[in-house]
């Protein structure tokens, strides 16, 4: 408890949309630099699962415990970064934010690797190229469009809940057409999420991040891109 007559200082964080152009440019550069490092780490971890025949064979037989381990690890790191009980400050504290992000990215790389092990090298490369083209186009659109998508957050979250419920249905009933529809809806939803998150980062809408949220911004984009890739795959 603070001593009588003393108060904790109130920290007022300035939105990135209210910052000078040079600070906004530095923030955007930092976010995309972190994102690039995340994608490279993910590719480095996932590549052996695609390129090594012996590792593929091992995963197909013993991969379930690895999948459970990576999922628990992934959710643990995500909870440590995002939970609303005060841990969100970890996202703004150096080097805790980088360590948590690295752990989350590594565990995500394991999950992506396990998923990719069930596909051929050609299929994975095709999904990578398609994802890169789609992400590049959506990012350019988010940067230059005059339409403000930052107010769509509640609608996107509602759509995500519907997609999750539909995904449970598809997992149980395994209709081929339903699986294709589910994947298409997933690509569409996370494409909108990518536009939404990009505008939060560049400060082109009515809502934006603060200058201290560079790790959070990179995390948002990373999740969007990985989800788009997995749905395309």
Protein backbone atom coordinates (compact mmCIF):
# COMPACT_ATOMS: atom_id res chain seq x y z
CA UNK A 1 0.00 0.00 0.00
CA UNK A 2 1.33 3.44 -0.87
CA UNK A 3 2.17 5.76 2.02
CA UNK A 4 -0.46 8.30 2.99
CA UNK A 5 -0.30 11.42 0.90
CA UNK A 6 1.49 9.71 -1.99
CA UNK A 7 -0.10 8.55 -5.22
CA UNK A 8 1.16 6.45 -8.07
CA UNK A 9 1.87 8.66 -11.08
CA UNK A 10 -0.75 8.58 -13.78
CA UNK A 11 0.83 7.57 -17.06
CA UNK A 12 -0.88 9.11 -20.06
CA UNK A 13 0.13 7.35 -23.25
CA UNK A 14 -0.19 9.26 -26.47
CA UNK A 15 -1.84 7.54 -29.43
CA UNK A 16 0.39 6.96 -32.43
CA UNK A 17 -2.05 8.90 -34.63
CA UNK A 18 -1.30 12.00 -32.50
CA UNK A 19 2.48 11.66 -32.75
CA UNK A 20 4.68 13.64 -35.19
CA UNK A 21 5.35 11.97 -38.58
CA UNK A 22 8.93 11.00 -37.70
CA UNK A 23 7.84 9.17 -34.53
CA UNK A 24 5.05 7.41 -36.41
CA UNK A 25 7.50 6.33 -39.10
CA UNK A 26 9.92 5.01 -36.48
CA UNK A 27 7.12 3.11 -34.74
CA UNK A 28 5.96 1.50 -37.99
CA UNK A 29 9.54 0.55 -38.91
CA UNK A 30 10.03 -1.03 -35.48
CA UNK A 31 6.81 -3.03 -35.69
CA UNK A 32 7.58 -4.42 -39.14
CA UNK A 33 11.17 -5.14 -38.14
CA UNK A 34 9.94 -7.25 -35.22
CA UNK A 35 7.37 -8.91 -37.48
CA UNK A 36 10.06 -9.83 -40.01
CA UNK A 37 12.16 -11.41 -37.25
CA UNK A 38 9.12 -13.39 -36.08
CA UNK A 39 8.39 -14.73 -39.55
CA UNK A 40 12.03 -15.69 -40.10
CA UNK A 41 12.14 -17.53 -36.76
CA UNK A 42 8.90 -19.32 -37.60
CA UNK A 43 10.24 -20.37 -41.00
CA UNK A 44 13.50 -21.60 -39.45
CA UNK A 45 11.64 -23.77 -36.92
CA UNK A 46 9.01 -25.05 -39.36
CA UNK A 47 11.34 -25.78 -42.31
CA UNK A 48 12.78 -29.08 -40.96
CA UNK A 49 9.25 -30.44 -40.56
CA UNK A 50 8.73 -29.90 -44.29
CA UNK A 51 12.16 -30.79 -45.67
CA UNK A 52 13.14 -33.80 -43.51
CA UNK A 53 11.44 -37.06 -44.46
CA UNK A 54 12.52 -38.75 -41.23
CA UNK A 55 11.13 -35.92 -39.10
CA UNK A 56 7.90 -36.01 -41.09
CA UNK A 57 7.57 -39.74 -40.44
CA UNK A 58 8.25 -39.23 -36.73
CA UNK A 59 5.65 -36.46 -36.47
CA UNK A 60 3.02 -38.58 -38.24
CA UNK A 61 3.49 -41.28 -35.60
CA UNK A 62 4.40 -39.35 -32.44
CA UNK A 63 3.35 -35.80 -33.29
CA UNK A 64 0.29 -35.56 -31.03
CA UNK A 65 2.23 -35.07 -27.75
CA UNK A 66 4.40 -32.45 -29.50
CA UNK A 67 1.25 -30.70 -30.72
CA UNK A 68 -0.22 -30.65 -27.21
CA UNK A 69 3.05 -29.40 -25.71
CA UNK A 70 3.39 -26.61 -28.29
CA UNK A 71 -0.26 -25.60 -27.86
CA UNK A 72 0.01 -25.37 -24.06
CA UNK A 73 3.27 -23.43 -24.36
CA UNK A 74 1.72 -21.14 -26.97
CA UNK A 75 -1.34 -20.37 -24.86
CA UNK A 76 0.83 -19.83 -21.79
CA UNK A 77 2.97 -17.20 -23.49
CA UNK A 78 -0.13 -15.57 -25.00
CA UNK A 79 -1.82 -15.42 -21.59
CA UNK A 80 1.29 -13.91 -20.02
CA UNK A 81 1.22 -11.16 -22.65
CA UNK A 82 -2.49 -10.49 -23.01
CA UNK A 83 -4.38 -11.37 -19.81
CA UNK A 84 -6.35 -8.41 -18.35
CA UNK A 85 -5.16 -8.94 -14.74
CA UNK A 86 -2.21 -6.59 -15.05
CA UNK A 87 0.04 -8.79 -17.16
CA UNK A 88 -0.60 -6.60 -20.20
CA UNK A 89 2.12 -4.29 -18.89
CA UNK A 90 4.54 -7.08 -19.82
CA UNK A 91 3.94 -6.04 -23.42
CA UNK A 92 5.42 -2.61 -22.68
CA UNK A 93 8.33 -3.68 -20.45
CA UNK A 94 11.75 -4.34 -22.00
CA UNK A 95 13.14 -7.04 -22.19
CA UNK A 96 10.14 -8.99 -20.86
CA UNK A 97 8.09 -8.14 -23.94
CA UNK A 98 10.75 -9.43 -26.33
CA UNK A 99 11.32 -12.63 -24.33
CA UNK A 100 7.61 -13.44 -24.19
CA UNK A 101 7.20 -12.66 -27.87
CA UNK A 102 10.17 -14.89 -28.77
CA UNK A 103 8.71 -17.74 -26.71
CA UNK A 104 5.30 -17.34 -28.32
CA UNK A 105 6.83 -17.20 -31.80
CA UNK A 106 8.95 -20.32 -31.20
CA UNK A 107 5.94 -22.30 -29.96
CA UNK A 108 3.91 -21.05 -32.92
CA UNK A 109 6.74 -22.20 -35.19
CA UNK A 110 6.39 -25.71 -33.75
CA UNK A 111 2.64 -25.68 -34.39
CA UNK A 112 3.13 -24.45 -37.95
CA UNK A 113 5.84 -27.06 -38.51
CA UNK A 114 3.60 -29.91 -37.34
CA UNK A 115 0.79 -28.70 -39.60
CA UNK A 116 3.11 -28.32 -42.59
CA UNK A 117 4.54 -31.82 -42.11
CA UNK A 118 1.34 -33.26 -43.56
CA UNK A 119 1.82 -31.43 -46.87
CA UNK A 120 4.33 -31.61 -49.70
CA UNK A 121 7.10 -29.06 -50.10
CA UNK A 122 5.38 -27.71 -53.22
CA UNK A 123 2.07 -27.21 -51.42
CA UNK A 124 3.74 -25.37 -48.56
CA UNK A 125 5.72 -23.11 -50.91
CA UNK A 126 2.57 -22.35 -52.89
CA UNK A 127 0.78 -21.40 -49.66
CA UNK A 128 3.72 -19.18 -48.68
CA UNK A 129 3.64 -17.36 -52.03
CA UNK A 130 -0.15 -16.96 -51.95
CA UNK A 131 0.03 -15.63 -48.39
CA UNK A 132 2.79 -13.17 -49.28
CA UNK A 133 0.84 -11.83 -52.26
CA UNK A 134 -2.39 -11.51 -50.28
CA UNK A 135 -0.71 -9.92 -47.25
CA UNK A 136 1.21 -7.49 -49.45
CA UNK A 137 -1.94 -6.40 -51.26
CA UNK A 138 -3.99 -6.04 -48.08
CA UNK A 139 -1.22 -4.09 -46.34
CA UNK A 140 -0.94 -1.66 -49.25
CA UNK A 141 -4.72 -1.24 -49.23
CA UNK A 142 -4.78 -0.61 -45.47
CA UNK A 143 -2.02 2.01 -45.81
CA UNK A 144 -3.65 3.99 -48.61
CA UNK A 145 -7.42 3.55 -48.34
CA UNK A 146 -9.50 6.38 -46.90
CA UNK A 147 -11.96 3.88 -45.39
CA UNK A 148 -11.59 3.59 -41.61
CA UNK A 149 -11.68 -0.05 -40.49
CA UNK A 150 -10.57 0.59 -36.90
CA UNK A 151 -14.15 0.81 -35.65
CA UNK A 152 -14.94 -2.70 -36.85
CA UNK A 153 -13.30 -4.44 -33.87
CA UNK A 154 -16.51 -5.66 -32.15
CA UNK A 155 -17.91 -6.98 -35.43
CA UNK A 156 -14.69 -8.82 -36.25
CA UNK A 157 -14.65 -10.37 -32.78
CA UNK A 158 -18.25 -11.53 -33.19
CA UNK A 159 -17.37 -13.01 -36.58
CA UNK A 160 -14.41 -14.80 -34.98
CA UNK A 161 -16.69 -16.41 -32.40
CA UNK A 162 -19.04 -17.57 -35.16
CA UNK A 163 -16.08 -18.97 -37.11
CA UNK A 164 -14.89 -20.88 -34.03
CA UNK A 165 -18.33 -22.43 -33.54
CA UNK A 166 -18.49 -23.35 -37.22
CA UNK A 167 -14.99 -24.84 -36.91
CA UNK A 168 -16.16 -27.14 -34.10
CA UNK A 169 -19.04 -28.27 -36.32
CA UNK A 170 -16.66 -28.95 -39.21
CA UNK A 171 -14.26 -30.88 -36.94
CA UNK A 172 -17.03 -33.23 -35.84
CA UNK A 173 -18.91 -33.76 -39.10
CA UNK A 174 -16.02 -33.49 -41.62
CA UNK A 175 -18.01 -32.58 -44.72
CA UNK A 176 -15.50 -31.74 -47.52
CA UNK A 177 -17.56 -28.79 -48.75
CA UNK A 178 -17.98 -27.48 -45.21
CA UNK A 179 -14.20 -27.65 -44.71
CA UNK A 180 -13.63 -25.61 -47.87
CA UNK A 181 -16.21 -23.03 -46.79
CA UNK A 182 -14.60 -22.87 -43.34
CA UNK A 183 -11.15 -22.22 -44.84
CA UNK A 184 -12.49 -19.53 -47.18
CA UNK A 185 -14.28 -17.80 -44.32
CA UNK A 186 -11.11 -17.99 -42.23
CA UNK A 187 -9.06 -16.36 -44.98
CA UNK A 188 -11.70 -13.65 -45.40
CA UNK A 189 -11.99 -12.91 -41.68
CA UNK A 190 -8.25 -12.69 -41.02
CA UNK A 191 -7.82 -10.59 -44.15
CA UNK A 192 -10.15 -8.05 -42.56
CA UNK A 193 -8.28 -8.45 -39.28
CA UNK A 194 -5.01 -7.70 -41.10
CA UNK A 195 -6.47 -4.47 -42.52
CA UNK A 196 -7.89 -3.58 -39.10
CA UNK A 197 -4.61 -4.21 -37.27
CA UNK A 198 -2.53 -2.45 -39.92
CA UNK A 199 -4.61 0.69 -39.57
CA UNK A 200 -4.25 0.54 -35.78
CA UNK A 201 -0.48 0.51 -36.27
CA UNK A 202 -0.15 3.21 -38.92
CA UNK A 203 -2.66 5.48 -37.16
CA UNK A 204 -4.91 6.05 -40.15
CA UNK A 205 -8.19 5.53 -38.30
CA UNK A 206 -10.18 6.85 -35.37
CA UNK A 207 -8.54 4.25 -33.10
CA UNK A 208 -4.82 3.50 -32.89
CA UNK A 209 -2.11 1.99 -30.69
CA UNK A 210 0.28 3.97 -28.50
CA UNK A 211 3.97 4.40 -29.20
CA UNK A 212 4.76 1.80 -26.49
CA UNK A 213 2.67 -0.90 -28.18
CA UNK A 214 5.22 -1.94 -30.82
CA UNK A 215 5.37 -5.55 -29.57
CA UNK A 216 1.59 -5.77 -29.39
CA UNK A 217 1.31 -4.42 -32.94
CA UNK A 218 3.82 -6.95 -34.26
CA UNK A 219 2.01 -9.75 -32.41
CA UNK A 220 -1.32 -8.80 -33.97
CA UNK A 221 0.06 -8.77 -37.50
CA UNK A 222 1.96 -12.01 -36.93
CA UNK A 223 -1.15 -13.86 -35.75
CA UNK A 224 -3.13 -12.55 -38.73
CA UNK A 225 -0.49 -13.65 -41.23
CA UNK A 226 0.01 -17.10 -39.69
CA UNK A 227 -3.74 -17.70 -39.64
CA UNK A 228 -4.09 -16.67 -43.28
CA UNK A 229 -1.23 -19.02 -44.20
CA UNK A 230 -2.74 -21.97 -42.32
CA UNK A 231 -6.19 -21.44 -43.83
CA UNK A 232 -4.68 -21.25 -47.33
CA UNK A 233 -2.64 -24.39 -46.64
